[in-house]
Structure formats: structure tokens, C-alpha cells
């Protein structure tokens, strides 16, 4: 099974609050289970030059699928207008979970 989780990476930086630790644990645990593929979904603005998240994030080792629009504007439009349709950035066959 493939899981794709929408995250706000800022909340997962180390050191982080209880919410950040919880998000890190919730997202890293499935990645350790056999038969599950955990991937992250976030704005490409969070990616480093090498296409991964910052070294300060425990989630860095997980694969990332990024959308090209600014995070805050995208999420507000998503909630208010139901736009933009983010499914076009999601690989086929994934189970979508919103976390963090």
C-alpha cells in the first residue's frame, strides 16, 4: 500500500513541539512497516537544492512529491474554493492522508 501525506514541514523541524514530534512519529512509523510505502506531499518551496527536505527534519529520508505553488496560498484556495485540484500532482494509486 502506498500512503501520501500532506504535511507542513515547518512543524517537523528539530527541535519541535509535541505536535511536531507526534507528526514525525505518525509519518515515520508506516515507513518502517513492510508492505507500506509512506511518501510526503508538500510545496516545492520546502525542498533543498538536492530535492529533499532540510537536514533538520526527521522526515527527510521519506520520498517527497511536491506541488509548485506557494504553500499558504494553495491551502487557502484549496479550503475556500476547492481549487486548485491537487490530485493532478498526486501519483496514481496512493491513499491520501492529511497530517501535520
PDB file of N, CA and C in Angstrom:
ATOM      1  N   UNK A   1       0.846  -1.165   0.000  1.00  0.00           N
ATOM      2  CA  UNK A   1       0.000   0.000   0.000  1.00  0.00           C
ATOM      3  C   UNK A   1       0.895   1.233   0.000  1.00  0.00           C
ATOM      4  N   UNK A   2       0.449   2.242  -0.698  1.00  0.00           N
ATOM      5  CA  UNK A   2       1.189   3.497  -0.776  1.00  0.00           C
ATOM      6  C   UNK A   2       0.391   4.594  -0.075  1.00  0.00           C
ATOM      7  N   UNK A   3       1.019   5.293   0.867  1.00  0.00           N
ATOM      8  CA  UNK A   3       0.388   6.393   1.598  1.00  0.00           C
ATOM      9  C   UNK A   3       1.054   7.703   1.204  1.00  0.00           C
ATOM     10  N   UNK A   4       0.245   8.698   0.890  1.00  0.00           N
ATOM     11  CA  UNK A   4       0.757  10.028   0.561  1.00  0.00           C
ATOM     12  C   UNK A   4       0.159  11.006   1.559  1.00  0.00           C
ATOM     13  N   UNK A   5       0.990  11.665   2.350  1.00  0.00           N
ATOM     14  CA  UNK A   5       0.531  12.537   3.424  1.00  0.00           C
ATOM     15  C   UNK A   5       0.898  13.985   3.153  1.00  0.00           C
ATOM     16  N   UNK A   6      -0.109  14.875   3.193  1.00  0.00           N
ATOM     17  CA  UNK A   6       0.108  16.311   3.053  1.00  0.00           C
ATOM     18  C   UNK A   6       0.646  16.828   4.385  1.00  0.00           C
ATOM     19  N   UNK A   7       1.783  17.497   4.343  1.00  0.00           N
ATOM     20  CA  UNK A   7       2.403  17.991   5.577  1.00  0.00           C
ATOM     21  C   UNK A   7       2.819  19.452   5.447  1.00  0.00           C
ATOM     22  N   UNK A   8       2.906  20.095   6.615  1.00  0.00           N
ATOM     23  CA  UNK A   8       3.532  21.407   6.742  1.00  0.00           C
ATOM     24  C   UNK A   8       4.910  21.134   7.341  1.00  0.00           C
ATOM     25  N   UNK A   9       5.940  21.075   6.542  1.00  0.00           N
ATOM     26  CA  UNK A   9       7.266  20.705   7.058  1.00  0.00           C
ATOM     27  C   UNK A   9       7.777  21.578   8.200  1.00  0.00           C
ATOM     28  N   UNK A  10       7.351  22.826   8.274  1.00  0.00           N
ATOM     29  CA  UNK A  10       7.849  23.712   9.331  1.00  0.00           C
ATOM     30  C   UNK A  10       7.575  23.131  10.715  1.00  0.00           C
ATOM     31  N   UNK A  11       6.499  22.375  10.842  1.00  0.00           N
ATOM     32  CA  UNK A  11       6.132  21.814  12.145  1.00  0.00           C
ATOM     33  C   UNK A  11       6.997  20.625  12.542  1.00  0.00           C
ATOM     34  N   UNK A  12       7.773  20.101  11.619  1.00  0.00           N
ATOM     35  CA  UNK A  12       8.537  18.886  11.908  1.00  0.00           C
ATOM     36  C   UNK A  12      10.031  19.137  12.107  1.00  0.00           C
ATOM     37  N   UNK A  13      10.456  20.406  12.044  1.00  0.00           N
ATOM     38  CA  UNK A  13      11.871  20.733  12.297  1.00  0.00           C
ATOM     39  C   UNK A  13      12.263  20.292  13.695  1.00  0.00           C
ATOM     40  N   UNK A  14      13.511  19.885  13.867  1.00  0.00           N
ATOM     41  CA  UNK A  14      14.040  19.554  15.190  1.00  0.00           C
ATOM     42  C   UNK A  14      14.770  20.760  15.743  1.00  0.00           C
ATOM     43  N   UNK A  15      14.662  21.142  16.988  1.00  0.00           N
ATOM     44  CA  UNK A  15      13.729  20.576  17.955  1.00  0.00           C
ATOM     45  C   UNK A  15      12.311  21.058  17.663  1.00  0.00           C
ATOM     46  N   UNK A  16      11.320  20.247  18.007  1.00  0.00           N
ATOM     47  CA  UNK A  16       9.937  20.626  17.727  1.00  0.00           C
ATOM     48  C   UNK A  16       9.060  20.381  18.949  1.00  0.00           C
ATOM     49  N   UNK A  17       7.852  20.907  18.879  1.00  0.00           N
ATOM     50  CA  UNK A  17       6.889  20.780  19.971  1.00  0.00           C
ATOM     51  C   UNK A  17       6.308  19.366  19.988  1.00  0.00           C
ATOM     52  N   UNK A  18       5.384  19.146  20.899  1.00  0.00           N
ATOM     53  CA  UNK A  18       4.715  17.851  20.977  1.00  0.00           C
ATOM     54  C   UNK A  18       3.961  17.520  19.704  1.00  0.00           C
ATOM     55  N   UNK A  19       3.364  18.538  19.076  1.00  0.00           N
ATOM     56  CA  UNK A  19       2.638  18.320  17.825  1.00  0.00           C
ATOM     57  C   UNK A  19       3.601  17.871  16.732  1.00  0.00           C
ATOM     58  N   UNK A  20       4.754  18.506  16.651  1.00  0.00           N
ATOM     59  CA  UNK A  20       5.753  18.131  15.654  1.00  0.00           C
ATOM     60  C   UNK A  20       6.302  16.734  15.880  1.00  0.00           C
ATOM     61  N   UNK A  21       6.570  16.403  17.148  1.00  0.00           N
ATOM     62  CA  UNK A  21       7.051  15.046  17.461  1.00  0.00           C
ATOM     63  C   UNK A  21       6.006  14.007  17.091  1.00  0.00           C
ATOM     64  N   UNK A  22       4.748  14.315  17.392  1.00  0.00           N
ATOM     65  CA  UNK A  22       3.661  13.392  17.051  1.00  0.00           C
ATOM     66  C   UNK A  22       3.571  13.206  15.533  1.00  0.00           C
ATOM     67  N   UNK A  23       3.616  14.303  14.781  1.00  0.00           N
ATOM     68  CA  UNK A  23       3.557  14.209  13.313  1.00  0.00           C
ATOM     69  C   UNK A  23       4.730  13.389  12.780  1.00  0.00           C
ATOM     70  N   UNK A  24       5.923  13.623  13.303  1.00  0.00           N
ATOM     71  CA  UNK A  24       7.093  12.853  12.870  1.00  0.00           C
ATOM     72  C   UNK A  24       6.892  11.361  13.126  1.00  0.00           C
ATOM     73  N   UNK A  25       6.423  11.023  14.326  1.00  0.00           N
ATOM     74  CA  UNK A  25       6.213   9.610  14.662  1.00  0.00           C
ATOM     75  C   UNK A  25       5.123   8.975  13.810  1.00  0.00           C
ATOM     76  N   UNK A  26       4.022   9.687  13.620  1.00  0.00           N
ATOM     77  CA  UNK A  26       2.908   9.157  12.826  1.00  0.00           C
ATOM     78  C   UNK A  26       3.339   8.904  11.385  1.00  0.00           C
ATOM     79  N   UNK A  27       4.189   9.750  10.849  1.00  0.00           N
ATOM     80  CA  UNK A  27       4.604   9.599   9.454  1.00  0.00           C
ATOM     81  C   UNK A  27       5.782   8.645   9.273  1.00  0.00           C
ATOM     82  N   UNK A  28       6.645   8.545  10.263  1.00  0.00           N
ATOM     83  CA  UNK A  28       7.806   7.658  10.129  1.00  0.00           C
ATOM     84  C   UNK A  28       7.476   6.193  10.424  1.00  0.00           C
ATOM     85  N   UNK A  29       6.506   5.938  11.291  1.00  0.00           N
ATOM     86  CA  UNK A  29       6.172   4.550  11.635  1.00  0.00           C
ATOM     87  C   UNK A  29       5.718   3.722  10.441  1.00  0.00           C
ATOM     88  N   UNK A  30       4.782   4.199   9.621  1.00  0.00           N
ATOM     89  CA  UNK A  30       4.377   3.380   8.464  1.00  0.00           C
ATOM     90  C   UNK A  30       5.542   3.083   7.521  1.00  0.00           C
ATOM     91  N   UNK A  31       6.487   4.002   7.439  1.00  0.00           N
ATOM     92  CA  UNK A  31       7.636   3.808   6.546  1.00  0.00           C
ATOM     93  C   UNK A  31       8.490   2.617   6.987  1.00  0.00           C
ATOM     94  N   UNK A  32       8.390   2.240   8.251  1.00  0.00           N
ATOM     95  CA  UNK A  32       9.171   1.123   8.780  1.00  0.00           C
ATOM     96  C   UNK A  32       8.475  -0.220   8.588  1.00  0.00           C
ATOM     97  N   UNK A  33       7.202  -0.189   8.244  1.00  0.00           N
ATOM     98  CA  UNK A  33       6.449  -1.435   8.092  1.00  0.00           C
ATOM     99  C   UNK A  33       6.615  -2.003   6.696  1.00  0.00           C
ATOM    100  N   UNK A  34       6.752  -3.290   6.641  1.00  0.00           N
ATOM    101  CA  UNK A  34       6.890  -3.966   5.355  1.00  0.00           C
ATOM    102  C   UNK A  34       5.554  -3.918   4.615  1.00  0.00           C
ATOM    103  N   UNK A  35       5.616  -3.641   3.335  1.00  0.00           N
ATOM    104  CA  UNK A  35       4.413  -3.594   2.516  1.00  0.00           C
ATOM    105  C   UNK A  35       3.764  -2.223   2.445  1.00  0.00           C
ATOM    106  N   UNK A  36       4.279  -1.252   3.206  1.00  0.00           N
ATOM    107  CA  UNK A  36       3.751   0.113   3.165  1.00  0.00           C
ATOM    108  C   UNK A  36       4.814   1.054   2.618  1.00  0.00           C
ATOM    109  N   UNK A  37       4.376   1.966   1.788  1.00  0.00           N
ATOM    110  CA  UNK A  37       5.283   2.990   1.257  1.00  0.00           C
ATOM    111  C   UNK A  37       4.719   4.348   1.663  1.00  0.00           C
ATOM    112  N   UNK A  38       5.407   5.026   2.565  1.00  0.00           N
ATOM    113  CA  UNK A  38       4.995   6.343   3.051  1.00  0.00           C
ATOM    114  C   UNK A  38       5.713   7.422   2.254  1.00  0.00           C
ATOM    115  N   UNK A  39       4.949   8.353   1.677  1.00  0.00           N
ATOM    116  CA  UNK A  39       5.512   9.476   0.933  1.00  0.00           C
ATOM    117  C   UNK A  39       4.891  10.764   1.447  1.00  0.00           C
ATOM    118  N   UNK A  40       5.600  11.863   1.257  1.00  0.00           N
ATOM    119  CA  UNK A  40       5.126  13.170   1.708  1.00  0.00           C
ATOM    120  C   UNK A  40       4.668  14.006   0.525  1.00  0.00           C
ATOM    121  N   UNK A  41       3.737  14.922   0.783  1.00  0.00           N
ATOM    122  CA  UNK A  41       3.199  15.825  -0.222  1.00  0.00           C
ATOM    123  C   UNK A  41       3.283  17.232   0.356  1.00  0.00           C
ATOM    124  N   UNK A  42       4.097  18.093  -0.257  1.00  0.00           N
ATOM    125  CA  UNK A  42       4.271  19.450   0.254  1.00  0.00           C
ATOM    126  C   UNK A  42       4.670  20.385  -0.886  1.00  0.00           C
ATOM    127  N   UNK A  43       4.727  21.660  -0.574  1.00  0.00           N
ATOM    128  CA  UNK A  43       5.134  22.661  -1.557  1.00  0.00           C
ATOM    129  C   UNK A  43       6.612  22.495  -1.898  1.00  0.00           C
ATOM    130  N   UNK A  44       6.948  22.695  -3.162  1.00  0.00           N
ATOM    131  CA  UNK A  44       8.359  22.559  -3.555  1.00  0.00           C
ATOM    132  C   UNK A  44       9.236  23.630  -2.918  1.00  0.00           C
ATOM    133  N   UNK A  45       8.622  24.656  -2.349  1.00  0.00           N
ATOM    134  CA  UNK A  45       9.376  25.680  -1.638  1.00  0.00           C
ATOM    135  C   UNK A  45      10.128  25.138  -0.429  1.00  0.00           C
ATOM    136  N   UNK A  46       9.724  23.980   0.070  1.00  0.00           N
ATOM    137  CA  UNK A  46      10.381  23.363   1.217  1.00  0.00           C
ATOM    138  C   UNK A  46      11.581  22.514   0.835  1.00  0.00           C
ATOM    139  N   UNK A  47      11.759  22.254  -0.435  1.00  0.00           N
ATOM    140  CA  UNK A  47      12.825  21.351  -0.860  1.00  0.00           C
ATOM    141  C   UNK A  47      14.164  22.072  -0.988  1.00  0.00           C
ATOM    142  N   UNK A  48      15.215  21.372  -0.613  1.00  0.00           N
ATOM    143  CA  UNK A  48      16.582  21.870  -0.760  1.00  0.00           C
ATOM    144  C   UNK A  48      17.008  21.707  -2.220  1.00  0.00           C
ATOM    145  N   UNK A  49      18.206  22.143  -2.539  1.00  0.00           N
ATOM    146  CA  UNK A  49      18.743  22.028  -3.898  1.00  0.00           C
ATOM    147  C   UNK A  49      18.746  20.585  -4.399  1.00  0.00           C
ATOM    148  N   UNK A  50      18.958  19.640  -3.477  1.00  0.00           N
ATOM    149  CA  UNK A  50      19.034  18.228  -3.867  1.00  0.00           C
ATOM    150  C   UNK A  50      17.665  17.550  -3.978  1.00  0.00           C
ATOM    151  N   UNK A  51      16.583  18.316  -3.789  1.00  0.00           N
ATOM    152  CA  UNK A  51      15.236  17.767  -3.933  1.00  0.00           C
ATOM    153  C   UNK A  51      14.701  17.070  -2.694  1.00  0.00           C
ATOM    154  N   UNK A  52      15.393  17.221  -1.564  1.00  0.00           N
ATOM    155  CA  UNK A  52      14.929  16.626  -0.312  1.00  0.00           C
ATOM    156  C   UNK A  52      14.643  17.734   0.697  1.00  0.00           C
ATOM    157  N   UNK A  53      14.039  17.356   1.816  1.00  0.00           N
ATOM    158  CA  UNK A  53      13.766  18.307   2.885  1.00  0.00           C
ATOM    159  C   UNK A  53      15.054  18.636   3.637  1.00  0.00           C
ATOM    160  N   UNK A  54      14.993  19.656   4.469  1.00  0.00           N
ATOM    161  CA  UNK A  54      16.143  20.100   5.259  1.00  0.00           C
ATOM    162  C   UNK A  54      16.692  18.976   6.136  1.00  0.00           C
ATOM    163  N   UNK A  55      17.974  19.019   6.405  1.00  0.00           N
ATOM    164  CA  UNK A  55      18.615  18.024   7.268  1.00  0.00           C
ATOM    165  C   UNK A  55      18.089  18.093   8.695  1.00  0.00           C
ATOM    166  N   UNK A  56      17.417  19.190   9.072  1.00  0.00           N
ATOM    167  CA  UNK A  56      16.857  19.340  10.415  1.00  0.00           C
ATOM    168  C   UNK A  56      15.529  18.601  10.583  1.00  0.00           C
ATOM    169  N   UNK A  57      15.041  17.988   9.529  1.00  0.00           N
ATOM    170  CA  UNK A  57      13.750  17.304   9.570  1.00  0.00           C
ATOM    171  C   UNK A  57      13.933  15.793   9.561  1.00  0.00           C
ATOM    172  N   UNK A  58      13.391  15.107  10.565  1.00  0.00           N
ATOM    173  CA  UNK A  58      13.468  13.648  10.573  1.00  0.00           C
ATOM    174  C   UNK A  58      12.774  13.018   9.363  1.00  0.00           C
ATOM    175  N   UNK A  59      11.849  13.730   8.756  1.00  0.00           N
ATOM    176  CA  UNK A  59      11.109  13.200   7.604  1.00  0.00           C
ATOM    177  C   UNK A  59      11.922  13.249   6.318  1.00  0.00           C
ATOM    178  N   UNK A  60      13.124  13.776   6.374  1.00  0.00           N
ATOM    179  CA  UNK A  60      13.963  13.946   5.188  1.00  0.00           C
ATOM    180  C   UNK A  60      14.174  12.649   4.412  1.00  0.00           C
ATOM    181  N   UNK A  61      14.216  11.523   5.107  1.00  0.00           N
ATOM    182  CA  UNK A  61      14.501  10.257   4.432  1.00  0.00           C
ATOM    183  C   UNK A  61      13.306   9.702   3.656  1.00  0.00           C
ATOM    184  N   UNK A  62      12.132  10.309   3.820  1.00  0.00           N
ATOM    185  CA  UNK A  62      10.953   9.845   3.087  1.00  0.00           C
ATOM    186  C   UNK A  62      10.889  10.490   1.705  1.00  0.00           C
ATOM    187  N   UNK A  63      10.377   9.764   0.714  1.00  0.00           N
ATOM    188  CA  UNK A  63      10.214  10.350  -0.621  1.00  0.00           C
ATOM    189  C   UNK A  63       9.195  11.493  -0.585  1.00  0.00           C
ATOM    190  N   UNK A  64       9.425  12.518  -1.401  1.00  0.00           N
ATOM    191  CA  UNK A  64       8.555  13.698  -1.419  1.00  0.00           C
ATOM    192  C   UNK A  64       7.981  13.911  -2.813  1.00  0.00           C
ATOM    193  N   UNK A  65       6.679  14.188  -2.861  1.00  0.00           N
ATOM    194  CA  UNK A  65       6.024  14.657  -4.082  1.00  0.00           C
ATOM    195  C   UNK A  65       5.655  16.108  -3.806  1.00  0.00           C
ATOM    196  N   UNK A  66       6.096  17.010  -4.653  1.00  0.00           N
ATOM    197  CA  UNK A  66       5.902  18.436  -4.401  1.00  0.00           C
ATOM    198  C   UNK A  66       4.982  19.065  -5.437  1.00  0.00           C
ATOM    199  N   UNK A  67       4.199  20.038  -4.959  1.00  0.00           N
ATOM    200  CA  UNK A  67       3.438  20.872  -5.882  1.00  0.00           C
ATOM    201  C   UNK A  67       4.172  22.192  -5.996  1.00  0.00           C
ATOM    202  N   UNK A  68       4.017  22.872  -7.107  1.00  0.00           N
ATOM    203  CA  UNK A  68       4.880  24.019  -7.408  1.00  0.00           C
ATOM    204  C   UNK A  68       4.381  25.355  -6.884  1.00  0.00           C
ATOM    205  N   UNK A  69       3.218  25.394  -6.290  1.00  0.00           N
ATOM    206  CA  UNK A  69       2.648  26.668  -5.848  1.00  0.00           C
ATOM    207  C   UNK A  69       3.018  26.975  -4.398  1.00  0.00           C
ATOM    208  N   UNK A  70       2.937  28.267  -3.986  1.00  0.00           N
ATOM    209  CA  UNK A  70       3.227  28.623  -2.592  1.00  0.00           C
ATOM    210  C   UNK A  70       2.255  27.908  -1.645  1.00  0.00           C
ATOM    211  N   UNK A  71       2.781  27.447  -0.539  1.00  0.00           N
ATOM    212  CA  UNK A  71       2.002  26.625   0.389  1.00  0.00           C
ATOM    213  C   UNK A  71       0.759  27.320   0.944  1.00  0.00           C
ATOM    214  N   UNK A  72       0.903  28.510   1.525  1.00  0.00           N
ATOM    215  CA  UNK A  72      -0.234  29.174   2.168  1.00  0.00           C
ATOM    216  C   UNK A  72      -1.338  29.526   1.180  1.00  0.00           C
ATOM    217  N   UNK A  73      -0.982  30.109   0.058  1.00  0.00           N
ATOM    218  CA  UNK A  73      -1.973  30.464  -0.954  1.00  0.00           C
ATOM    219  C   UNK A  73      -2.687  29.220  -1.473  1.00  0.00           C
ATOM    220  N   UNK A  74      -1.931  28.182  -1.724  1.00  0.00           N
ATOM    221  CA  UNK A  74      -2.506  26.936  -2.232  1.00  0.00           C
ATOM    222  C   UNK A  74      -3.498  26.350  -1.245  1.00  0.00           C
ATOM    223  N   UNK A  75      -3.110  26.297   0.019  1.00  0.00           N
ATOM    224  CA  UNK A  75      -4.000  25.693   1.008  1.00  0.00           C
ATOM    225  C   UNK A  75      -5.257  26.529   1.215  1.00  0.00           C
ATOM    226  N   UNK A  76      -5.135  27.837   1.210  1.00  0.00           N
ATOM    227  CA  UNK A  76      -6.328  28.685   1.367  1.00  0.00           C
ATOM    228  C   UNK A  76      -7.290  28.511   0.198  1.00  0.00           C
ATOM    229  N   UNK A  77      -6.757  28.502  -1.009  1.00  0.00           N
ATOM    230  CA  UNK A  77      -7.610  28.286  -2.190  1.00  0.00           C
ATOM    231  C   UNK A  77      -8.236  26.897  -2.159  1.00  0.00           C
ATOM    232  N   UNK A  78      -7.484  25.929  -1.718  1.00  0.00           N
ATOM    233  CA  UNK A  78      -7.945  24.556  -1.596  1.00  0.00           C
ATOM    234  C   UNK A  78      -9.145  24.486  -0.652  1.00  0.00           C
ATOM    235  N   UNK A  79      -9.041  25.143   0.512  1.00  0.00           N
ATOM    236  CA  UNK A  79     -10.099  25.097   1.517  1.00  0.00           C
ATOM    237  C   UNK A  79     -11.316  25.927   1.126  1.00  0.00           C
ATOM    238  N   UNK A  80     -11.087  27.126   0.626  1.00  0.00           N
ATOM    239  CA  UNK A  80     -12.189  28.042   0.358  1.00  0.00           C
ATOM    240  C   UNK A  80     -12.917  27.722  -0.940  1.00  0.00           C
ATOM    241  N   UNK A  81     -12.171  27.515  -2.006  1.00  0.00           N
ATOM    242  CA  UNK A  81     -12.772  27.358  -3.331  1.00  0.00           C
ATOM    243  C   UNK A  81     -12.757  25.931  -3.866  1.00  0.00           C
ATOM    244  N   UNK A  82     -12.068  25.041  -3.180  1.00  0.00           N
ATOM    245  CA  UNK A  82     -11.917  23.691  -3.714  1.00  0.00           C
ATOM    246  C   UNK A  82     -10.948  23.666  -4.881  1.00  0.00           C
ATOM    247  N   UNK A  83     -10.163  24.729  -5.037  1.00  0.00           N
ATOM    248  CA  UNK A  83      -9.165  24.844  -6.098  1.00  0.00           C
ATOM    249  C   UNK A  83      -7.817  25.093  -5.455  1.00  0.00           C
ATOM    250  N   UNK A  84      -6.742  24.825  -5.953  1.00  0.00           N
ATOM    251  CA  UNK A  84      -6.565  24.099  -7.189  1.00  0.00           C
ATOM    252  C   UNK A  84      -6.714  22.611  -6.932  1.00  0.00           C
ATOM    253  N   UNK A  85      -7.065  21.886  -7.943  1.00  0.00           N
ATOM    254  CA  UNK A  85      -7.225  20.439  -7.811  1.00  0.00           C
ATOM    255  C   UNK A  85      -5.847  19.805  -7.663  1.00  0.00           C
ATOM    256  N   UNK A  86      -5.504  19.458  -6.451  1.00  0.00           N
ATOM    257  CA  UNK A  86      -4.164  18.957  -6.157  1.00  0.00           C
ATOM    258  C   UNK A  86      -3.956  17.528  -6.635  1.00  0.00           C
ATOM    259  N   UNK A  87      -5.034  16.845  -6.980  1.00  0.00           N
ATOM    260  CA  UNK A  87      -4.908  15.463  -7.453  1.00  0.00           C
ATOM    261  C   UNK A  87      -3.991  15.346  -8.660  1.00  0.00           C
ATOM    262  N   UNK A  88      -3.879  16.403  -9.432  1.00  0.00           N
ATOM    263  CA  UNK A  88      -3.014  16.318 -10.615  1.00  0.00           C
ATOM    264  C   UNK A  88      -1.536  16.184 -10.245  1.00  0.00           C
ATOM    265  N   UNK A  89      -1.183  16.521  -9.016  1.00  0.00           N
ATOM    266  CA  UNK A  89       0.201  16.386  -8.560  1.00  0.00           C
ATOM    267  C   UNK A  89       0.448  15.074  -7.818  1.00  0.00           C
ATOM    268  N   UNK A  90      -0.614  14.326  -7.589  1.00  0.00           N
ATOM    269  CA  UNK A  90      -0.534  13.094  -6.813  1.00  0.00           C
ATOM    270  C   UNK A  90      -0.338  11.909  -7.742  1.00  0.00           C
ATOM    271  N   UNK A  91       0.649  11.057  -7.445  1.00  0.00           N
ATOM    272  CA  UNK A  91       0.837   9.869  -8.283  1.00  0.00           C
ATOM    273  C   UNK A  91      -0.360   8.932  -8.154  1.00  0.00           C
ATOM    274  N   UNK A  92      -0.659   8.195  -9.181  1.00  0.00           N
ATOM    275  CA  UNK A  92      -1.789   7.264  -9.174  1.00  0.00           C
ATOM    276  C   UNK A  92      -1.579   6.149  -8.162  1.00  0.00           C
ATOM    277  N   UNK A  93      -2.685   5.696  -7.587  1.00  0.00           N
ATOM    278  CA  UNK A  93      -2.643   4.526  -6.716  1.00  0.00           C
ATOM    279  C   UNK A  93      -2.317   4.804  -5.265  1.00  0.00           C
ATOM    280  N   UNK A  94      -2.225   6.055  -4.857  1.00  0.00           N
ATOM    281  CA  UNK A  94      -1.884   6.355  -3.469  1.00  0.00           C
ATOM    282  C   UNK A  94      -3.113   6.612  -2.622  1.00  0.00           C
ATOM    283  N   UNK A  95      -3.037   6.276  -1.347  1.00  0.00           N
ATOM    284  CA  UNK A  95      -4.058   6.603  -0.380  1.00  0.00           C
ATOM    285  C   UNK A  95      -3.673   7.959   0.197  1.00  0.00           C
ATOM    286  N   UNK A  96      -4.579   8.925   0.181  1.00  0.00           N
ATOM    287  CA  UNK A  96      -4.264  10.298   0.573  1.00  0.00           C
ATOM    288  C   UNK A  96      -4.636  10.535   2.033  1.00  0.00           C
ATOM    289  N   UNK A  97      -3.689  10.998   2.827  1.00  0.00           N
ATOM    290  CA  UNK A  97      -3.909  11.293   4.234  1.00  0.00           C
ATOM    291  C   UNK A  97      -3.359  12.680   4.512  1.00  0.00           C
ATOM    292  N   UNK A  98      -4.140  13.496   5.210  1.00  0.00           N
ATOM    293  CA  UNK A  98      -3.667  14.827   5.580  1.00  0.00           C
ATOM    294  C   UNK A  98      -3.156  14.759   7.012  1.00  0.00           C
ATOM    295  N   UNK A  99      -1.919  15.139   7.225  1.00  0.00           N
ATOM    296  CA  UNK A  99      -1.319  15.129   8.563  1.00  0.00           C
ATOM    297  C   UNK A  99      -0.461  16.363   8.733  1.00  0.00           C
ATOM    298  N   UNK A 100      -0.259  16.746   9.982  1.00  0.00           N
ATOM    299  CA  UNK A 100       0.667  17.850  10.263  1.00  0.00           C
ATOM    300  C   UNK A 100       0.116  19.124   9.802  1.00  0.00           C
TER     301      UNK A 100
END
